[in-house]
């Protein structure tokens, strides 16, 4: 299986999404598919595909047996064949589809974003499936997912798909790797902790102002000029 283009990945993942989230409208017409590909939500990156681009991607995916045209409708409708084409389980297909649609994500984000697609019991279940995909790639030599270096301030590392090749990976320069490693050792501050720190800072500022006022009053009583 060759690597996919970003447009082919968007078309394929959109079909995978709609098959699970709006089964009554599936298979999709070209117009419905185009609207799904160009959604302004749940997409990273956002795209503005034309009908010609979507149709070209469909034709290419049909040649790979990853998309089929349904035969039970006057209007051409299309359905994906991802699981059989790539030989993956339902859970594996869900994670790959989400990574194609939404870009790099942590296991926690994948579990949250998969709610309408598939029910993972917990984050550990997501991590197990990602591990299966990673091991499967190592065994076959066809890697489909990779874990990115930890980003600054994040507890979890993000995962990204490789169905479009390594050239589609987010940029991560070696010069920033050292900073990321140092930042990874620093425990991220939660919103509650930040609020408590802000309150503490405000209290200290008030106390300093009070001390300054008391000092000025004392200097005045003693007839000592302020420095």
N, C-alpha and C. Protein backbone atom coordinates (compact mmCIF):
# COMPACT_ATOMS: atom_id res chain seq x y z
N UNK A 1 0.85 -1.19 0.00
CA UNK A 1 0.00 0.00 0.00
C UNK A 1 0.88 1.24 0.00
N UNK A 2 0.71 2.12 -0.98
CA UNK A 2 1.51 3.34 -1.05
C UNK A 2 1.02 4.33 0.01
N UNK A 3 1.84 5.35 0.24
CA UNK A 3 1.41 6.39 1.16
C UNK A 3 0.29 7.20 0.52
N UNK A 4 -0.56 7.76 1.36
CA UNK A 4 -1.69 8.55 0.89
C UNK A 4 -1.30 10.02 0.79
N UNK A 5 -1.99 10.75 -0.06
CA UNK A 5 -1.84 12.19 -0.07
C UNK A 5 -2.71 12.76 1.05
N UNK A 6 -2.44 13.98 1.52
CA UNK A 6 -3.29 14.57 2.56
C UNK A 6 -4.76 14.64 2.16
N UNK A 7 -5.05 14.89 0.89
CA UNK A 7 -6.44 14.97 0.45
C UNK A 7 -7.08 13.59 0.47
N UNK A 8 -6.35 12.57 0.04
CA UNK A 8 -6.87 11.21 0.08
C UNK A 8 -7.15 10.79 1.52
N UNK A 9 -6.23 11.16 2.44
CA UNK A 9 -6.42 10.82 3.85
C UNK A 9 -7.65 11.52 4.41
N UNK A 10 -7.88 12.77 4.01
CA UNK A 10 -9.06 13.50 4.49
C UNK A 10 -10.34 12.87 3.98
N UNK A 11 -10.37 12.51 2.71
CA UNK A 11 -11.57 11.88 2.13
C UNK A 11 -11.84 10.54 2.81
N UNK A 12 -10.81 9.74 2.95
CA UNK A 12 -10.97 8.41 3.55
C UNK A 12 -11.42 8.52 5.01
N UNK A 13 -10.78 9.39 5.78
CA UNK A 13 -11.13 9.53 7.20
C UNK A 13 -12.52 10.12 7.38
N UNK A 14 -12.93 10.99 6.48
CA UNK A 14 -14.29 11.55 6.57
C UNK A 14 -15.33 10.45 6.35
N UNK A 15 -15.09 9.59 5.40
CA UNK A 15 -16.00 8.45 5.19
C UNK A 15 -16.03 7.56 6.43
N UNK A 16 -14.87 7.34 7.03
CA UNK A 16 -14.80 6.52 8.24
C UNK A 16 -15.58 7.15 9.39
N UNK A 17 -15.47 8.46 9.50
CA UNK A 17 -16.19 9.17 10.56
C UNK A 17 -17.69 9.11 10.36
N UNK A 18 -18.15 9.45 9.16
CA UNK A 18 -19.60 9.52 8.92
C UNK A 18 -20.26 8.15 8.98
N UNK A 19 -19.50 7.10 8.64
CA UNK A 19 -20.06 5.76 8.74
C UNK A 19 -20.44 5.43 10.18
N UNK A 20 -19.72 6.02 11.14
CA UNK A 20 -19.94 5.74 12.55
C UNK A 20 -20.84 6.76 13.24
N UNK A 21 -20.78 8.01 12.78
CA UNK A 21 -21.52 9.06 13.49
C UNK A 21 -22.88 9.39 12.86
N UNK A 22 -23.04 9.19 11.55
CA UNK A 22 -24.34 9.44 10.89
C UNK A 22 -24.66 8.27 9.96
N UNK A 23 -24.83 7.08 10.52
CA UNK A 23 -25.03 5.89 9.68
C UNK A 23 -26.26 5.98 8.77
N UNK A 24 -27.28 6.77 9.17
CA UNK A 24 -28.49 6.88 8.34
C UNK A 24 -28.21 7.61 7.03
N UNK A 25 -27.16 8.43 7.00
CA UNK A 25 -26.82 9.19 5.79
C UNK A 25 -25.69 8.54 5.00
N UNK A 26 -25.27 7.38 5.43
CA UNK A 26 -24.12 6.70 4.84
C UNK A 26 -24.59 5.53 3.99
N UNK A 27 -23.93 5.26 2.85
CA UNK A 27 -22.78 5.90 2.19
C UNK A 27 -23.05 7.36 1.80
N UNK A 28 -22.00 8.10 1.54
CA UNK A 28 -22.12 9.53 1.29
C UNK A 28 -22.10 9.87 -0.19
N UNK A 29 -22.91 10.87 -0.53
CA UNK A 29 -22.84 11.43 -1.88
C UNK A 29 -21.58 12.29 -1.96
N UNK A 30 -21.19 12.67 -3.16
CA UNK A 30 -19.99 13.50 -3.32
C UNK A 30 -20.16 14.83 -2.60
N UNK A 31 -21.36 15.41 -2.66
CA UNK A 31 -21.60 16.70 -2.02
C UNK A 31 -21.49 16.58 -0.50
N UNK A 32 -22.10 15.52 0.07
CA UNK A 32 -22.03 15.32 1.52
C UNK A 32 -20.60 15.05 1.96
N UNK A 33 -19.88 14.30 1.16
CA UNK A 33 -18.49 14.01 1.47
C UNK A 33 -17.65 15.28 1.45
N UNK A 34 -17.89 16.13 0.46
CA UNK A 34 -17.14 17.38 0.34
C UNK A 34 -17.40 18.28 1.55
N UNK A 35 -18.67 18.35 1.98
CA UNK A 35 -19.00 19.15 3.17
C UNK A 35 -18.28 18.61 4.40
N UNK A 36 -18.22 17.28 4.52
CA UNK A 36 -17.54 16.68 5.66
C UNK A 36 -16.04 16.95 5.64
N UNK A 37 -15.45 16.90 4.47
CA UNK A 37 -14.01 17.16 4.35
C UNK A 37 -13.67 18.59 4.72
N UNK A 38 -14.57 19.53 4.40
CA UNK A 38 -14.30 20.95 4.60
C UNK A 38 -14.90 21.50 5.89
N UNK A 39 -15.30 20.64 6.81
CA UNK A 39 -15.84 21.10 8.09
C UNK A 39 -14.86 22.05 8.78
N UNK A 40 -15.41 22.99 9.54
CA UNK A 40 -14.58 23.94 10.28
C UNK A 40 -14.31 23.45 11.69
N UNK A 41 -14.94 22.36 12.09
CA UNK A 41 -14.71 21.78 13.41
C UNK A 41 -14.18 20.36 13.27
N UNK A 42 -13.46 19.90 14.27
CA UNK A 42 -12.94 18.53 14.32
C UNK A 42 -12.04 18.20 13.14
N UNK A 43 -11.35 19.21 12.62
CA UNK A 43 -10.45 19.01 11.49
C UNK A 43 -9.12 19.74 11.73
N UNK A 44 -8.02 19.04 11.53
CA UNK A 44 -6.70 19.66 11.64
C UNK A 44 -5.76 18.95 10.67
N UNK A 45 -5.33 19.66 9.62
CA UNK A 45 -5.64 21.06 9.33
C UNK A 45 -7.00 21.21 8.66
N UNK A 46 -7.54 22.44 8.67
CA UNK A 46 -8.76 22.69 7.92
C UNK A 46 -8.43 22.75 6.43
N UNK A 47 -9.35 22.31 5.61
CA UNK A 47 -9.13 22.29 4.17
C UNK A 47 -10.29 22.95 3.44
N UNK A 48 -10.03 23.35 2.21
CA UNK A 48 -11.06 23.89 1.33
C UNK A 48 -10.97 23.13 0.01
N UNK A 49 -11.39 21.88 0.03
CA UNK A 49 -11.29 21.04 -1.16
C UNK A 49 -12.36 21.43 -2.17
N UNK A 50 -12.04 21.29 -3.43
CA UNK A 50 -13.02 21.48 -4.49
C UNK A 50 -13.63 20.13 -4.83
N UNK A 51 -14.72 20.17 -5.57
CA UNK A 51 -15.38 18.93 -5.98
C UNK A 51 -14.44 18.08 -6.84
N UNK A 52 -13.67 18.74 -7.69
CA UNK A 52 -12.73 18.02 -8.56
C UNK A 52 -11.65 17.33 -7.74
N UNK A 53 -11.15 17.99 -6.69
CA UNK A 53 -10.13 17.39 -5.84
C UNK A 53 -10.68 16.18 -5.09
N UNK A 54 -11.90 16.31 -4.58
CA UNK A 54 -12.51 15.21 -3.85
C UNK A 54 -12.75 14.02 -4.78
N UNK A 55 -13.22 14.30 -5.99
CA UNK A 55 -13.48 13.23 -6.94
C UNK A 55 -12.18 12.53 -7.35
N UNK A 56 -11.13 13.30 -7.55
CA UNK A 56 -9.84 12.71 -7.90
C UNK A 56 -9.33 11.81 -6.78
N UNK A 57 -9.53 12.25 -5.53
CA UNK A 57 -9.11 11.43 -4.39
C UNK A 57 -9.92 10.15 -4.31
N UNK A 58 -11.23 10.26 -4.57
CA UNK A 58 -12.09 9.07 -4.57
C UNK A 58 -11.62 8.07 -5.62
N UNK A 59 -11.34 8.55 -6.81
CA UNK A 59 -10.88 7.67 -7.89
C UNK A 59 -9.58 6.97 -7.51
N UNK A 60 -8.66 7.72 -6.88
CA UNK A 60 -7.38 7.13 -6.48
C UNK A 60 -7.59 6.09 -5.38
N UNK A 61 -8.48 6.37 -4.44
CA UNK A 61 -8.76 5.43 -3.34
C UNK A 61 -9.51 4.20 -3.84
N UNK A 62 -10.34 4.38 -4.85
CA UNK A 62 -11.01 3.24 -5.45
C UNK A 62 -9.99 2.30 -6.10
N UNK A 63 -8.97 2.88 -6.72
CA UNK A 63 -7.93 2.07 -7.35
C UNK A 63 -7.14 1.27 -6.33
N UNK A 64 -7.11 1.76 -5.08
CA UNK A 64 -6.42 1.06 -4.00
C UNK A 64 -7.36 0.13 -3.23
N UNK A 65 -8.62 0.07 -3.67
CA UNK A 65 -9.66 -0.73 -3.00
C UNK A 65 -9.92 -0.25 -1.58
N UNK A 66 -9.70 1.03 -1.33
CA UNK A 66 -9.99 1.61 -0.03
C UNK A 66 -11.34 2.31 0.00
N UNK A 67 -11.90 2.56 -1.17
CA UNK A 67 -13.23 3.17 -1.30
C UNK A 67 -13.99 2.44 -2.39
N UNK A 68 -15.27 2.23 -2.15
CA UNK A 68 -16.14 1.61 -3.15
C UNK A 68 -17.33 2.53 -3.42
N UNK A 69 -17.90 2.42 -4.60
CA UNK A 69 -19.11 3.16 -4.92
C UNK A 69 -20.30 2.24 -4.68
N UNK A 70 -21.24 2.72 -3.87
CA UNK A 70 -22.44 1.93 -3.58
C UNK A 70 -23.28 1.80 -4.84
N UNK A 71 -23.89 0.66 -5.02
CA UNK A 71 -24.65 0.39 -6.25
C UNK A 71 -26.16 0.49 -6.07
N UNK A 72 -26.60 0.86 -4.87
CA UNK A 72 -28.04 0.84 -4.59
C UNK A 72 -28.68 2.22 -4.64
N UNK A 73 -28.04 3.18 -5.32
CA UNK A 73 -28.59 4.53 -5.37
C UNK A 73 -28.37 5.14 -6.75
N UNK A 74 -29.34 5.96 -7.18
CA UNK A 74 -29.17 6.66 -8.46
C UNK A 74 -28.03 7.66 -8.38
N UNK A 75 -27.97 8.39 -7.25
CA UNK A 75 -26.88 9.34 -7.04
C UNK A 75 -25.66 8.56 -6.55
N UNK A 76 -24.51 8.74 -7.17
CA UNK A 76 -23.31 8.02 -6.71
C UNK A 76 -23.02 8.28 -5.24
N UNK A 77 -22.86 7.21 -4.49
CA UNK A 77 -22.52 7.30 -3.08
C UNK A 77 -21.31 6.42 -2.80
N UNK A 78 -20.54 6.83 -1.81
CA UNK A 78 -19.25 6.18 -1.59
C UNK A 78 -19.10 5.70 -0.15
N UNK A 79 -18.42 4.58 0.00
CA UNK A 79 -18.16 4.00 1.31
C UNK A 79 -16.71 3.54 1.39
N UNK A 80 -16.18 3.54 2.61
CA UNK A 80 -14.76 3.17 2.77
C UNK A 80 -14.60 1.66 2.98
N UNK A 81 -13.39 1.22 2.76
CA UNK A 81 -13.03 -0.18 2.97
C UNK A 81 -11.72 -0.23 3.75
N UNK A 82 -11.60 0.69 4.72
CA UNK A 82 -10.33 0.90 5.41
C UNK A 82 -9.85 -0.32 6.17
N UNK A 83 -10.74 -0.89 6.99
CA UNK A 83 -10.31 -2.00 7.85
C UNK A 83 -9.79 -3.19 7.05
N UNK A 84 -10.52 -3.54 6.01
CA UNK A 84 -10.09 -4.67 5.20
C UNK A 84 -8.85 -4.31 4.39
N UNK A 85 -8.83 -3.08 3.87
CA UNK A 85 -7.71 -2.66 3.04
C UNK A 85 -6.39 -2.63 3.81
N UNK A 86 -6.45 -2.20 5.07
CA UNK A 86 -5.23 -2.12 5.87
C UNK A 86 -5.08 -3.29 6.84
N UNK A 87 -6.11 -4.12 6.92
CA UNK A 87 -6.01 -5.29 7.80
C UNK A 87 -5.90 -4.93 9.26
N UNK A 88 -6.73 -3.97 9.71
CA UNK A 88 -6.69 -3.53 11.10
C UNK A 88 -8.02 -3.82 11.79
N UNK A 89 -7.99 -3.81 13.11
CA UNK A 89 -9.21 -4.02 13.90
C UNK A 89 -10.04 -2.75 13.93
N UNK A 90 -11.25 -2.87 14.47
CA UNK A 90 -12.13 -1.70 14.59
C UNK A 90 -11.47 -0.62 15.43
N UNK A 91 -10.94 -0.99 16.59
CA UNK A 91 -10.32 -0.01 17.48
C UNK A 91 -9.11 0.65 16.82
N UNK A 92 -8.31 -0.13 16.11
CA UNK A 92 -7.14 0.42 15.42
C UNK A 92 -7.56 1.38 14.32
N UNK A 93 -8.60 1.00 13.59
CA UNK A 93 -9.10 1.86 12.52
C UNK A 93 -9.62 3.18 13.07
N UNK A 94 -10.28 3.13 14.21
CA UNK A 94 -10.82 4.34 14.83
C UNK A 94 -9.70 5.32 15.17
N UNK A 95 -8.64 4.83 15.78
CA UNK A 95 -7.54 5.72 16.16
C UNK A 95 -6.84 6.29 14.94
N UNK A 96 -6.63 5.48 13.92
CA UNK A 96 -6.00 5.98 12.69
C UNK A 96 -6.89 7.01 12.01
N UNK A 97 -8.20 6.76 11.99
CA UNK A 97 -9.13 7.72 11.39
C UNK A 97 -9.11 9.05 12.12
N UNK A 98 -9.10 9.00 13.45
CA UNK A 98 -9.07 10.23 14.23
C UNK A 98 -7.77 11.00 14.03
N UNK A 99 -6.66 10.28 13.94
CA UNK A 99 -5.38 10.94 13.71
C UNK A 99 -5.33 11.58 12.33
N UNK A 100 -5.96 10.94 11.34
CA UNK A 100 -6.02 11.53 10.00
C UNK A 100 -6.87 12.79 9.97
N UNK A 101 -7.94 12.80 10.76
CA UNK A 101 -8.86 13.94 10.74
C UNK A 101 -8.42 15.09 11.62
N UNK A 102 -7.86 14.78 12.79
CA UNK A 102 -7.62 15.80 13.80
C UNK A 102 -6.15 16.08 14.09
N UNK A 103 -5.25 15.41 13.39
CA UNK A 103 -3.84 15.66 13.62
C UNK A 103 -3.33 14.99 14.88
N UNK A 104 -2.10 15.33 15.31
CA UNK A 104 -1.48 14.71 16.48
C UNK A 104 -2.34 14.87 17.73
N UNK A 105 -2.47 13.80 18.51
CA UNK A 105 -3.27 13.81 19.73
C UNK A 105 -2.65 12.92 20.79
N UNK A 106 -2.93 13.25 22.04
CA UNK A 106 -2.52 12.41 23.16
C UNK A 106 -3.53 11.28 23.32
N UNK A 107 -3.17 10.21 24.03
CA UNK A 107 -4.15 9.15 24.28
C UNK A 107 -5.43 9.66 24.95
N UNK A 108 -5.27 10.63 25.85
CA UNK A 108 -6.46 11.20 26.50
C UNK A 108 -7.35 11.92 25.51
N UNK A 109 -6.75 12.68 24.60
CA UNK A 109 -7.54 13.39 23.60
C UNK A 109 -8.21 12.39 22.64
N UNK A 110 -7.48 11.34 22.29
CA UNK A 110 -8.05 10.32 21.40
C UNK A 110 -9.27 9.66 22.03
N UNK A 111 -9.17 9.37 23.32
CA UNK A 111 -10.32 8.73 23.99
C UNK A 111 -11.53 9.67 24.00
N UNK A 112 -11.29 10.95 24.29
CA UNK A 112 -12.39 11.92 24.30
C UNK A 112 -12.99 12.09 22.91
N UNK A 113 -12.14 12.22 21.90
CA UNK A 113 -12.61 12.46 20.54
C UNK A 113 -13.25 11.24 19.90
N UNK A 114 -13.03 10.07 20.47
CA UNK A 114 -13.57 8.83 19.89
C UNK A 114 -14.94 8.47 20.43
N UNK A 115 -15.51 9.30 21.33
CA UNK A 115 -16.75 8.95 22.01
C UNK A 115 -17.86 8.55 21.04
N UNK A 116 -18.00 9.25 19.93
CA UNK A 116 -19.07 8.95 18.97
C UNK A 116 -18.67 7.86 17.98
N UNK A 117 -17.42 7.47 18.00
CA UNK A 117 -16.92 6.46 17.07
C UNK A 117 -16.88 5.08 17.70
N UNK A 118 -16.34 5.06 18.94
CA UNK A 118 -16.02 3.78 19.58
C UNK A 118 -15.84 4.03 21.07
N UNK A 119 -16.23 3.09 21.90
CA UNK A 119 -16.14 3.26 23.34
C UNK A 119 -14.88 2.58 23.90
N UNK A 120 -13.87 3.38 24.18
CA UNK A 120 -12.70 2.86 24.87
C UNK A 120 -12.97 2.92 26.37
N UNK A 121 -12.63 1.86 27.08
CA UNK A 121 -12.92 1.80 28.51
C UNK A 121 -12.17 2.88 29.29
N UNK A 122 -10.95 3.14 28.91
CA UNK A 122 -10.12 4.12 29.61
C UNK A 122 -8.94 4.50 28.73
N UNK A 123 -8.12 5.41 29.23
CA UNK A 123 -6.96 5.86 28.46
C UNK A 123 -5.98 4.71 28.24
N UNK A 124 -5.88 3.82 29.22
CA UNK A 124 -4.98 2.67 29.08
C UNK A 124 -5.37 1.82 27.88
N UNK A 125 -6.68 1.71 27.61
CA UNK A 125 -7.14 0.94 26.46
C UNK A 125 -6.67 1.57 25.16
N UNK A 126 -6.71 2.90 25.11
CA UNK A 126 -6.22 3.62 23.92
C UNK A 126 -4.72 3.37 23.75
N UNK A 127 -3.99 3.46 24.85
CA UNK A 127 -2.54 3.24 24.80
C UNK A 127 -2.21 1.83 24.33
N UNK A 128 -3.03 0.87 24.76
CA UNK A 128 -2.80 -0.52 24.34
C UNK A 128 -2.95 -0.67 22.83
N UNK A 129 -3.99 -0.02 22.27
CA UNK A 129 -4.23 -0.13 20.83
C UNK A 129 -3.13 0.60 20.05
N UNK A 130 -2.69 1.73 20.55
CA UNK A 130 -1.57 2.44 19.91
C UNK A 130 -0.32 1.57 19.94
N UNK A 131 -0.12 0.88 21.06
CA UNK A 131 1.02 -0.02 21.16
C UNK A 131 0.92 -1.17 20.17
N UNK A 132 -0.31 -1.67 19.95
CA UNK A 132 -0.52 -2.74 18.97
C UNK A 132 -0.16 -2.26 17.57
N UNK A 133 -0.59 -1.04 17.25
CA UNK A 133 -0.29 -0.49 15.92
C UNK A 133 1.21 -0.30 15.75
N UNK A 134 1.87 0.17 16.80
CA UNK A 134 3.31 0.39 16.73
C UNK A 134 4.05 -0.93 16.56
N UNK A 135 3.65 -1.95 17.34
CA UNK A 135 4.29 -3.26 17.25
C UNK A 135 4.02 -3.90 15.89
N UNK A 136 2.80 -3.70 15.40
CA UNK A 136 2.43 -4.25 14.09
C UNK A 136 3.32 -3.66 13.01
N UNK A 137 3.60 -2.37 13.11
CA UNK A 137 4.46 -1.71 12.13
C UNK A 137 5.89 -2.20 12.20
N UNK A 138 6.37 -2.42 13.43
CA UNK A 138 7.74 -2.90 13.61
C UNK A 138 7.90 -4.31 13.04
N UNK A 139 6.85 -5.13 13.20
CA UNK A 139 6.91 -6.51 12.71
C UNK A 139 6.85 -6.58 11.18
N UNK A 140 6.00 -5.71 10.60
CA UNK A 140 5.78 -5.77 9.16
C UNK A 140 6.68 -4.83 8.37
N UNK A 141 7.27 -3.87 9.07
CA UNK A 141 8.09 -2.88 8.38
C UNK A 141 7.29 -1.74 7.81
N UNK A 142 5.96 -1.75 8.02
CA UNK A 142 5.08 -0.68 7.55
C UNK A 142 4.52 0.03 8.77
N UNK A 143 5.20 1.10 9.20
CA UNK A 143 4.82 1.81 10.41
C UNK A 143 3.64 2.75 10.11
N UNK A 144 2.60 2.68 10.94
CA UNK A 144 1.41 3.51 10.71
C UNK A 144 1.26 4.63 11.75
N UNK A 145 1.87 4.47 12.93
CA UNK A 145 1.80 5.51 13.96
C UNK A 145 3.16 5.68 14.60
N UNK A 146 3.39 6.87 15.15
CA UNK A 146 4.64 7.12 15.86
C UNK A 146 4.33 8.11 16.98
N UNK A 147 5.06 7.97 18.07
CA UNK A 147 4.90 8.86 19.22
C UNK A 147 5.86 10.03 19.08
N UNK A 148 5.33 11.24 19.18
CA UNK A 148 6.16 12.43 19.04
C UNK A 148 6.87 12.75 20.35
N UNK A 149 7.97 13.49 20.29
CA UNK A 149 8.62 13.94 21.54
C UNK A 149 7.64 14.76 22.37
N UNK A 150 7.81 14.69 23.68
CA UNK A 150 6.89 15.40 24.58
C UNK A 150 6.98 16.91 24.36
N UNK A 151 5.82 17.53 24.20
CA UNK A 151 5.77 18.98 24.03
C UNK A 151 5.87 19.66 25.39
N UNK A 152 6.36 20.89 25.39
CA UNK A 152 6.52 21.63 26.63
C UNK A 152 5.20 21.78 27.36
N UNK A 153 5.20 21.48 28.66
CA UNK A 153 4.02 21.69 29.49
C UNK A 153 2.95 20.62 29.36
N UNK A 154 3.21 19.54 28.63
CA UNK A 154 2.21 18.49 28.45
C UNK A 154 2.61 17.25 29.23
N UNK A 155 1.63 16.63 29.90
CA UNK A 155 1.87 15.41 30.65
C UNK A 155 2.03 14.22 29.71
N UNK A 156 1.21 14.19 28.65
CA UNK A 156 1.20 13.05 27.74
C UNK A 156 1.90 13.40 26.42
N UNK A 157 2.49 12.40 25.81
CA UNK A 157 3.06 12.59 24.48
C UNK A 157 1.98 12.38 23.42
N UNK A 158 2.09 13.12 22.35
CA UNK A 158 1.13 13.00 21.26
C UNK A 158 1.55 11.91 20.28
N UNK A 159 0.55 11.36 19.62
CA UNK A 159 0.77 10.37 18.57
C UNK A 159 0.33 10.94 17.24
N UNK A 160 0.95 10.46 16.16
CA UNK A 160 0.60 10.94 14.82
C UNK A 160 0.62 9.74 13.88
N UNK A 161 -0.21 9.79 12.84
CA UNK A 161 -0.22 8.69 11.86
C UNK A 161 0.85 8.93 10.80
N UNK A 162 1.25 7.84 10.15
CA UNK A 162 2.26 7.93 9.09
C UNK A 162 1.70 7.44 7.75
N UNK A 163 0.39 7.45 7.61
CA UNK A 163 -0.22 6.97 6.37
C UNK A 163 0.09 7.89 5.19
N UNK A 164 0.48 9.13 5.50
CA UNK A 164 0.87 10.07 4.43
C UNK A 164 2.39 10.18 4.34
N UNK A 165 3.11 9.30 5.03
CA UNK A 165 4.56 9.33 4.99
C UNK A 165 5.16 10.21 6.06
N UNK A 166 6.45 10.07 6.27
CA UNK A 166 7.13 10.84 7.30
C UNK A 166 7.23 12.32 6.95
N UNK A 167 7.07 12.64 5.67
CA UNK A 167 7.13 14.04 5.26
C UNK A 167 6.00 14.87 5.80
N UNK A 168 4.92 14.20 6.24
CA UNK A 168 3.76 14.93 6.77
C UNK A 168 3.85 15.13 8.28
N UNK A 169 4.95 14.66 8.90
CA UNK A 169 5.10 14.81 10.35
C UNK A 169 5.24 16.28 10.73
N UNK A 170 4.70 16.68 11.90
CA UNK A 170 4.90 18.05 12.37
C UNK A 170 6.37 18.34 12.58
N UNK A 171 6.76 19.55 12.31
CA UNK A 171 8.18 19.92 12.46
C UNK A 171 8.58 19.87 13.92
N UNK A 172 9.73 19.26 14.19
CA UNK A 172 10.28 19.23 15.55
C UNK A 172 11.79 19.29 15.42
N UNK A 173 12.34 20.46 15.55
CA UNK A 173 13.76 20.66 15.31
C UNK A 173 14.59 20.13 16.47
N UNK A 174 15.77 19.55 16.17
CA UNK A 174 16.66 19.07 17.22
C UNK A 174 17.04 20.16 18.21
N UNK A 175 17.08 21.41 17.72
CA UNK A 175 17.47 22.52 18.60
C UNK A 175 16.47 22.69 19.73
N UNK A 176 15.21 22.32 19.47
CA UNK A 176 14.18 22.46 20.50
C UNK A 176 14.05 21.23 21.36
N UNK A 177 14.72 20.16 20.98
CA UNK A 177 14.56 18.90 21.72
C UNK A 177 15.05 19.03 23.15
N UNK A 178 16.19 19.73 23.32
CA UNK A 178 16.71 19.90 24.67
C UNK A 178 15.76 20.68 25.55
N UNK A 179 15.15 21.75 24.98
CA UNK A 179 14.19 22.54 25.74
C UNK A 179 13.00 21.70 26.11
N UNK A 180 12.54 20.86 25.17
CA UNK A 180 11.37 20.02 25.44
C UNK A 180 11.68 19.03 26.55
N UNK A 181 12.92 18.50 26.55
CA UNK A 181 13.29 17.53 27.58
C UNK A 181 13.32 18.19 28.95
N UNK A 182 13.85 19.42 29.01
CA UNK A 182 13.89 20.13 30.27
C UNK A 182 12.49 20.46 30.74
N UNK A 183 11.66 20.96 29.79
CA UNK A 183 10.29 21.31 30.14
C UNK A 183 9.51 20.10 30.60
N UNK A 184 9.83 18.92 30.04
CA UNK A 184 9.09 17.71 30.41
C UNK A 184 9.31 17.37 31.87
N UNK A 185 10.47 17.81 32.45
CA UNK A 185 10.74 17.51 33.84
C UNK A 185 9.98 18.42 34.78
N UNK A 186 9.47 19.52 34.26
CA UNK A 186 8.72 20.47 35.07
C UNK A 186 7.26 20.07 35.09
N UNK A 187 6.70 19.90 36.26
CA UNK A 187 5.31 19.49 36.38
C UNK A 187 4.40 20.62 35.91
N UNK A 188 3.50 20.40 34.95
CA UNK A 188 2.60 21.44 34.48
C UNK A 188 1.72 21.95 35.62
N UNK A 189 1.42 23.24 35.59
CA UNK A 189 0.59 23.86 36.62
C UNK A 189 -0.87 23.78 36.19
N UNK A 190 -1.72 23.26 37.09
CA UNK A 190 -3.14 23.16 36.77
C UNK A 190 -3.80 24.51 36.93
N UNK A 191 -5.06 24.61 36.44
CA UNK A 191 -5.80 25.87 36.54
C UNK A 191 -6.03 26.24 37.99
N UNK A 192 -6.36 25.25 38.83
CA UNK A 192 -6.59 25.51 40.25
C UNK A 192 -5.33 26.02 40.94
N UNK A 193 -4.19 25.42 40.61
CA UNK A 193 -2.93 25.86 41.19
C UNK A 193 -2.60 27.28 40.75
N UNK A 194 -2.86 27.58 39.49
CA UNK A 194 -2.60 28.92 38.97
C UNK A 194 -3.45 29.96 39.70
N UNK A 195 -4.72 29.62 39.95
CA UNK A 195 -5.60 30.56 40.65
C UNK A 195 -5.13 30.79 42.08
N UNK A 196 -4.69 29.71 42.75
CA UNK A 196 -4.19 29.86 44.12
C UNK A 196 -2.91 30.69 44.16
N UNK A 197 -2.04 30.49 43.18
CA UNK A 197 -0.82 31.28 43.10
C UNK A 197 -1.13 32.76 42.87
N UNK A 198 -2.13 33.02 42.02
CA UNK A 198 -2.52 34.39 41.75
C UNK A 198 -3.08 35.06 43.01
N UNK A 199 -3.91 34.31 43.75
CA UNK A 199 -4.46 34.84 45.00
C UNK A 199 -3.35 35.13 46.01
N UNK A 200 -2.38 34.20 46.09
CA UNK A 200 -1.26 34.39 47.00
C UNK A 200 -0.45 35.62 46.63
N UNK A 201 -0.24 35.81 45.33
CA UNK A 201 0.51 36.97 44.86
C UNK A 201 -0.21 38.27 45.23
N UNK A 202 -1.54 38.28 45.03
CA UNK A 202 -2.31 39.47 45.37
C UNK A 202 -2.26 39.77 46.86
N UNK A 203 -2.30 38.71 47.69
CA UNK A 203 -2.21 38.88 49.14
C UNK A 203 -0.87 39.48 49.53
N UNK A 204 0.20 38.97 48.94
CA UNK A 204 1.54 39.47 49.24
C UNK A 204 1.70 40.92 48.81
N UNK A 205 1.13 41.27 47.65
CA UNK A 205 1.20 42.66 47.19
C UNK A 205 0.48 43.59 48.16
N UNK A 206 -0.67 43.13 48.68
CA UNK A 206 -1.43 43.95 49.64
C UNK A 206 -0.62 44.13 50.93
N UNK A 207 0.01 43.07 51.39
CA UNK A 207 0.81 43.14 52.61
C UNK A 207 1.99 44.09 52.44
N UNK A 208 2.62 44.06 51.25
CA UNK A 208 3.74 44.96 50.98
C UNK A 208 3.28 46.42 51.02
N UNK A 209 2.13 46.70 50.43
CA UNK A 209 1.61 48.07 50.44
C UNK A 209 1.31 48.53 51.86
N UNK A 210 0.76 47.61 52.68
CA UNK A 210 0.46 47.95 54.07
C UNK A 210 1.75 48.24 54.84
N UNK A 211 2.78 47.43 54.63
CA UNK A 211 4.06 47.64 55.31
C UNK A 211 4.71 48.95 54.88
N UNK A 212 4.58 49.27 53.59
CA UNK A 212 5.13 50.52 53.10
C UNK A 212 4.42 51.71 53.74
N UNK A 213 3.11 51.61 53.91
CA UNK A 213 2.34 52.69 54.55
C UNK A 213 2.72 52.84 56.01
N UNK A 214 2.89 51.70 56.69
CA UNK A 214 3.28 51.74 58.10
C UNK A 214 4.68 52.33 58.26
N UNK A 215 5.58 51.98 57.37
CA UNK A 215 6.94 52.51 57.43
C UNK A 215 6.95 54.02 57.20
N UNK A 216 6.15 54.48 56.24
CA UNK A 216 6.09 55.91 55.97
C UNK A 216 5.52 56.67 57.17
N UNK A 217 4.51 56.10 57.83
CA UNK A 217 3.92 56.74 59.02
C UNK A 217 4.93 56.80 60.16
N UNK A 218 5.69 55.71 60.33
CA UNK A 218 6.69 55.66 61.40
C UNK A 218 7.79 56.68 61.16
N UNK A 219 8.22 56.78 59.90
CA UNK A 219 9.27 57.75 59.57
C UNK A 219 8.80 59.17 59.83
N UNK A 220 7.51 59.41 59.56
CA UNK A 220 6.96 60.75 59.78
C UNK A 220 6.92 61.05 61.25
N UNK A 221 6.52 60.09 62.10
CA UNK A 221 6.45 60.28 63.54
C UNK A 221 7.83 60.55 64.13
N UNK A 222 8.84 59.87 63.56
CA UNK A 222 10.20 60.02 64.09
C UNK A 222 10.94 61.19 63.46
N UNK A 223 10.33 61.80 62.47
CA UNK A 223 10.98 62.90 61.80
C UNK A 223 12.13 62.49 60.95
N UNK A 224 12.03 61.25 60.47
CA UNK A 224 13.09 60.72 59.60
C UNK A 224 12.65 60.86 58.14
N UNK A 225 13.51 61.46 57.34
CA UNK A 225 13.15 61.63 55.94
C UNK A 225 13.29 60.29 55.22
N UNK A 226 12.43 60.09 54.22
CA UNK A 226 12.49 58.87 53.43
C UNK A 226 13.69 58.93 52.48
N UNK A 227 14.35 57.83 52.32
CA UNK A 227 15.53 57.77 51.47
C UNK A 227 15.12 57.89 50.03
